[in-house]
Amino acid sequence: IEFIGDSHTVGYGNISTKRDCTQDEVWATTDASQAMPALTARRYGADYQVNAISGRGIVRNYDGMTADTVPVAYPFTLFDKATRYADPAWRPRLFVIALGTNDFTTPLHPGEPWKTRDALHVDYEQHYVDFVKRLRAQNSHAHVLLWATDMADGEIASEVGKVAARLKAEGQRDVAFVPITGLAFTGCHAHPSTADDAQIRTALSTYIDAHPEIWTNE
């Protein structure tokens, strides 16, 4: 299973007992081994990769921060983009992707490429669709699960749902959207806690188990 995302996939501050954290406390309370990817992979006895960058999105980073977005950084081993990642032995059967939190949880600022929220939506949807298509072009046998929380008054989930629907309409089979609701966000800086990570894992595994074509332990 390959997990692609942002800080919610990283496990940012997930073992913290408070939301107000210093940067040192964020580092000390980020435990990827207790985050959603590790929990989900263990549920299925799967090998897994986590390719996630805090603060990055599909077309826009947190608060308009200037840096490579996840689709731009994804093909490379490091941020310097000197070497493309290549491992012929890595053939994921399932991609689990959550991107959009950083695109939509802050208002647009003067000078950003999008004049309106609608323009941001159009750009996001197109780039997300293109990103998934690139992944599947290299892994045509893989299933894709897109998930999103109900943050930003549902804007993220609405947009991800549109992306999944468009992919299906354009002939991409084995793509699904799993909305996640009811998280407490009690980790550092209102990120998912380990309890939230477990809740996300449960939502994803419930969907996977209901669709056995996605995963078998053969």
Protein backbone atom coordinates (compact mmCIF):
# COMPACT_ATOMS: atom_id res chain seq x y z
CA ILE A 1 0.00 0.00 0.00
CA GLU A 2 1.31 3.45 -0.87
CA PHE A 3 0.05 6.38 1.20
CA ILE A 4 0.33 9.88 -0.27
CA GLY A 5 -0.66 13.01 1.60
CA ASP A 6 0.17 15.87 3.90
CA SER A 7 0.59 16.26 7.66
CA HIS A 8 -2.55 14.19 8.31
CA THR A 9 -0.77 11.27 6.67
CA VAL A 10 2.58 12.05 8.30
CA GLY A 11 1.15 11.76 11.82
CA TYR A 12 2.03 15.36 12.70
CA GLY A 13 1.86 15.83 16.48
CA ASN A 14 -0.41 12.83 16.80
CA ILE A 15 0.72 11.66 20.24
CA SER A 16 0.52 15.14 21.76
CA THR A 17 -1.85 15.72 24.67
CA LYS A 18 -2.38 19.35 23.67
CA ARG A 19 -2.99 21.42 20.55
CA ASP A 20 -0.67 24.30 21.42
CA CYS A 21 2.83 23.00 20.61
CA THR A 22 6.25 24.46 19.97
CA GLN A 23 8.17 23.24 16.92
CA ASP A 24 10.32 21.04 19.14
CA GLU A 25 7.17 19.55 20.67
CA VAL A 26 5.81 18.82 17.19
CA TRP A 27 8.94 16.84 16.37
CA ALA A 28 8.80 15.03 19.72
CA THR A 29 5.12 14.09 19.37
CA THR A 30 5.03 13.01 15.72
CA ASP A 31 4.96 9.20 15.64
CA ALA A 32 4.49 7.74 12.18
CA SER A 33 4.37 4.23 13.65
CA GLN A 34 1.06 5.17 15.31
CA ALA A 35 -0.31 7.14 12.36
CA MET A 36 -3.03 6.02 9.98
CA PRO A 37 -0.72 4.52 7.31
CA ALA A 38 1.06 2.19 9.72
CA LEU A 39 -2.22 1.20 11.38
CA THR A 40 -3.84 0.43 8.04
CA ALA A 41 -0.86 -1.49 6.69
CA ARG A 42 -0.69 -3.61 9.85
CA ARG A 43 -4.40 -4.33 9.52
CA TYR A 44 -3.67 -6.06 6.20
CA GLY A 45 -0.15 -7.32 6.82
CA ALA A 46 0.99 -5.12 3.95
CA ASP A 47 4.31 -3.61 3.00
CA TYR A 48 3.86 0.13 2.75
CA GLN A 49 5.38 3.44 1.78
CA VAL A 50 4.46 6.88 3.10
CA ASN A 51 5.07 9.77 0.72
CA ALA A 52 3.70 12.76 2.59
CA ILE A 53 4.83 16.34 3.18
CA SER A 54 3.38 18.58 5.88
CA GLY A 55 1.99 21.85 4.61
CA ARG A 56 1.82 20.87 0.95
CA GLY A 57 -1.17 20.46 -1.33
CA ILE A 58 -2.18 19.63 -4.88
CA VAL A 59 -1.82 23.14 -6.34
CA ARG A 60 -1.57 25.31 -3.21
CA ASN A 61 0.41 24.94 0.00
CA TYR A 62 -0.68 26.02 3.47
CA ASP A 63 -1.49 29.74 3.58
CA GLY A 64 -0.06 30.18 0.09
CA MET A 65 3.46 29.10 1.11
CA THR A 66 5.90 28.98 -1.81
CA ALA A 67 7.32 25.47 -2.17
CA ASP A 68 6.86 22.44 -4.39
CA THR A 69 3.42 20.89 -4.10
CA VAL A 70 3.14 17.15 -3.52
CA PRO A 71 2.63 16.24 -7.21
CA VAL A 72 5.71 18.28 -8.15
CA ALA A 73 7.91 16.77 -5.43
CA TYR A 74 6.53 13.23 -5.69
CA PRO A 75 8.71 11.84 -8.53
CA PHE A 76 11.96 12.64 -6.73
CA THR A 77 13.85 11.07 -3.83
CA LEU A 78 14.69 14.42 -2.18
CA PHE A 79 13.56 18.04 -2.33
CA ASP A 80 16.56 19.01 -4.47
CA LYS A 81 14.95 16.99 -7.29
CA ALA A 82 18.37 15.75 -8.39
CA THR A 83 17.38 12.07 -8.53
CA ARG A 84 14.13 10.50 -9.62
CA TYR A 85 12.82 7.73 -7.40
CA ALA A 86 12.98 4.33 -9.06
CA ASP A 87 12.30 0.92 -7.56
CA PRO A 88 11.01 -1.66 -10.04
CA ALA A 89 10.22 -4.01 -7.14
CA TRP A 90 7.75 -1.56 -5.61
CA ARG A 91 4.38 -2.29 -7.18
CA PRO A 92 1.61 -0.98 -4.90
CA ARG A 93 -1.72 -2.74 -5.12
CA LEU A 94 -3.45 0.17 -3.42
CA PHE A 95 -2.90 3.92 -3.26
CA VAL A 96 -4.46 5.78 -0.33
CA ILE A 97 -4.35 9.52 -1.00
CA ALA A 98 -5.45 12.54 1.05
CA LEU A 99 -4.56 15.95 -0.37
CA GLY A 100 -6.52 19.18 -0.12
CA THR A 101 -6.21 20.26 3.50
CA ASN A 102 -3.52 22.78 2.62
CA ASP A 103 -5.18 23.88 -0.60
CA PHE A 104 -8.38 24.94 1.16
CA THR A 105 -8.01 25.61 4.90
CA THR A 106 -6.70 29.18 4.50
CA PRO A 107 -8.05 32.15 2.54
CA LEU A 108 -6.54 33.24 -0.75
CA HIS A 109 -4.15 36.18 -0.57
CA PRO A 110 -3.43 38.97 -3.05
CA GLY A 111 -0.79 37.88 -5.53
CA GLU A 112 -1.74 34.20 -5.59
CA PRO A 113 -2.52 32.71 -9.01
CA TRP A 114 -6.25 32.28 -8.30
CA LYS A 115 -8.50 35.32 -8.23
CA THR A 116 -11.46 33.40 -6.84
CA ARG A 117 -12.19 30.25 -4.88
CA ASP A 118 -13.92 28.84 -7.95
CA ALA A 119 -10.72 29.26 -9.96
CA LEU A 120 -8.80 27.41 -7.24
CA HIS A 121 -11.36 24.61 -7.38
CA VAL A 122 -10.99 24.21 -11.14
CA ASP A 123 -7.19 24.12 -10.92
CA TYR A 124 -7.22 21.70 -7.98
CA GLU A 125 -9.61 19.27 -9.63
CA GLN A 126 -7.63 19.19 -12.89
CA HIS A 127 -4.25 18.70 -11.21
CA TYR A 128 -5.57 16.03 -8.83
CA VAL A 129 -7.12 14.11 -11.73
CA ASP A 130 -3.86 14.36 -13.66
CA PHE A 131 -1.83 13.20 -10.63
CA VAL A 132 -3.96 10.10 -10.12
CA LYS A 133 -3.81 9.30 -13.82
CA ARG A 134 -0.01 9.48 -13.73
CA LEU A 135 0.08 7.10 -10.76
CA ARG A 136 -2.22 4.64 -12.47
CA ALA A 137 -0.32 4.84 -15.76
CA GLN A 138 2.62 3.36 -13.89
CA ASN A 139 0.49 1.00 -11.78
CA SER A 140 -2.50 0.06 -13.91
CA HIS A 141 -3.46 -2.82 -11.64
CA ALA A 142 -3.69 -0.66 -8.50
CA HIS A 143 -6.83 0.52 -6.76
CA VAL A 144 -7.02 4.14 -5.57
CA LEU A 145 -8.80 5.35 -2.44
CA LEU A 146 -9.12 9.10 -2.02
CA TRP A 147 -10.14 10.31 1.42
CA ALA A 148 -10.85 13.66 3.01
CA THR A 149 -12.00 15.07 6.32
CA ASP A 150 -14.92 17.44 6.83
CA MET A 151 -12.62 20.37 7.62
CA ALA A 152 -13.05 23.76 5.90
CA ASP A 153 -16.84 23.49 6.14
CA GLY A 154 -16.81 20.48 3.86
CA GLU A 155 -14.96 22.22 1.03
CA ILE A 156 -12.17 19.63 0.93
CA ALA A 157 -14.50 16.64 0.88
CA SER A 158 -16.69 18.26 -1.76
CA GLU A 159 -13.71 18.83 -4.03
CA VAL A 160 -12.22 15.37 -3.53
CA GLY A 161 -15.62 13.84 -4.26
CA LYS A 162 -15.69 15.75 -7.55
CA VAL A 163 -12.21 14.48 -8.40
CA ALA A 164 -13.24 10.87 -7.81
CA ALA A 165 -16.41 11.31 -9.86
CA ARG A 166 -14.48 12.89 -12.72
CA LEU A 167 -11.89 10.11 -12.73
CA LYS A 168 -14.64 7.53 -12.99
CA ALA A 169 -16.40 9.50 -15.74
CA GLU A 170 -13.13 9.59 -17.68
CA GLY A 171 -12.78 5.83 -17.56
CA GLN A 172 -10.59 5.36 -14.49
CA ARG A 173 -11.88 2.22 -12.84
CA ASP A 174 -11.08 1.10 -9.30
CA VAL A 175 -11.17 4.62 -7.87
CA ALA A 176 -13.25 5.47 -4.79
CA PHE A 177 -13.79 8.32 -2.35
CA VAL A 178 -14.08 7.74 1.41
CA PRO A 179 -15.25 10.77 3.44
CA ILE A 180 -14.06 10.91 7.04
CA THR A 181 -16.15 12.68 9.68
CA GLY A 182 -16.20 13.12 13.43
CA LEU A 183 -12.48 13.53 14.13
CA ALA A 184 -11.48 15.40 17.31
CA PHE A 185 -8.25 16.96 15.96
CA THR A 186 -6.63 17.14 19.40
CA GLY A 187 -3.05 16.67 18.18
CA CYS A 188 -0.59 19.54 17.78
CA HIS A 189 -2.06 22.52 15.96
CA ALA A 190 -5.43 20.78 15.65
CA HIS A 191 -4.10 17.75 13.77
CA PRO A 192 -5.46 14.21 14.07
CA SER A 193 -4.61 12.40 17.30
CA THR A 194 -3.79 8.70 17.52
CA ALA A 195 -7.47 8.12 18.30
CA ASP A 196 -8.33 9.98 15.09
CA ASP A 197 -5.73 7.93 13.21
CA ALA A 198 -7.47 4.78 14.42
CA GLN A 199 -10.83 6.19 13.35
CA ILE A 200 -9.50 6.95 9.86
CA ARG A 201 -8.03 3.45 9.66
CA THR A 202 -11.40 1.99 10.62
CA ALA A 203 -13.24 4.01 7.98
CA LEU A 204 -10.78 3.00 5.28
CA SER A 205 -10.69 -0.66 6.29
CA THR A 206 -14.48 -0.80 6.47
CA TYR A 207 -14.62 0.31 2.85
CA ILE A 208 -11.81 -2.03 1.79
CA ASP A 209 -13.39 -5.01 3.55
CA ALA A 210 -16.72 -4.29 1.85
CA HIS A 211 -14.94 -4.42 -1.53
CA PRO A 212 -12.77 -7.55 -1.40
CA GLU A 213 -11.52 -6.94 -4.93
CA ILE A 214 -9.37 -4.14 -3.45
CA TRP A 215 -7.36 -6.36 -1.13
CA THR A 216 -6.78 -10.07 -0.67
CA ASN A 217 -3.96 -11.65 1.29
CA GLU A 218 -3.01 -13.97 -1.52
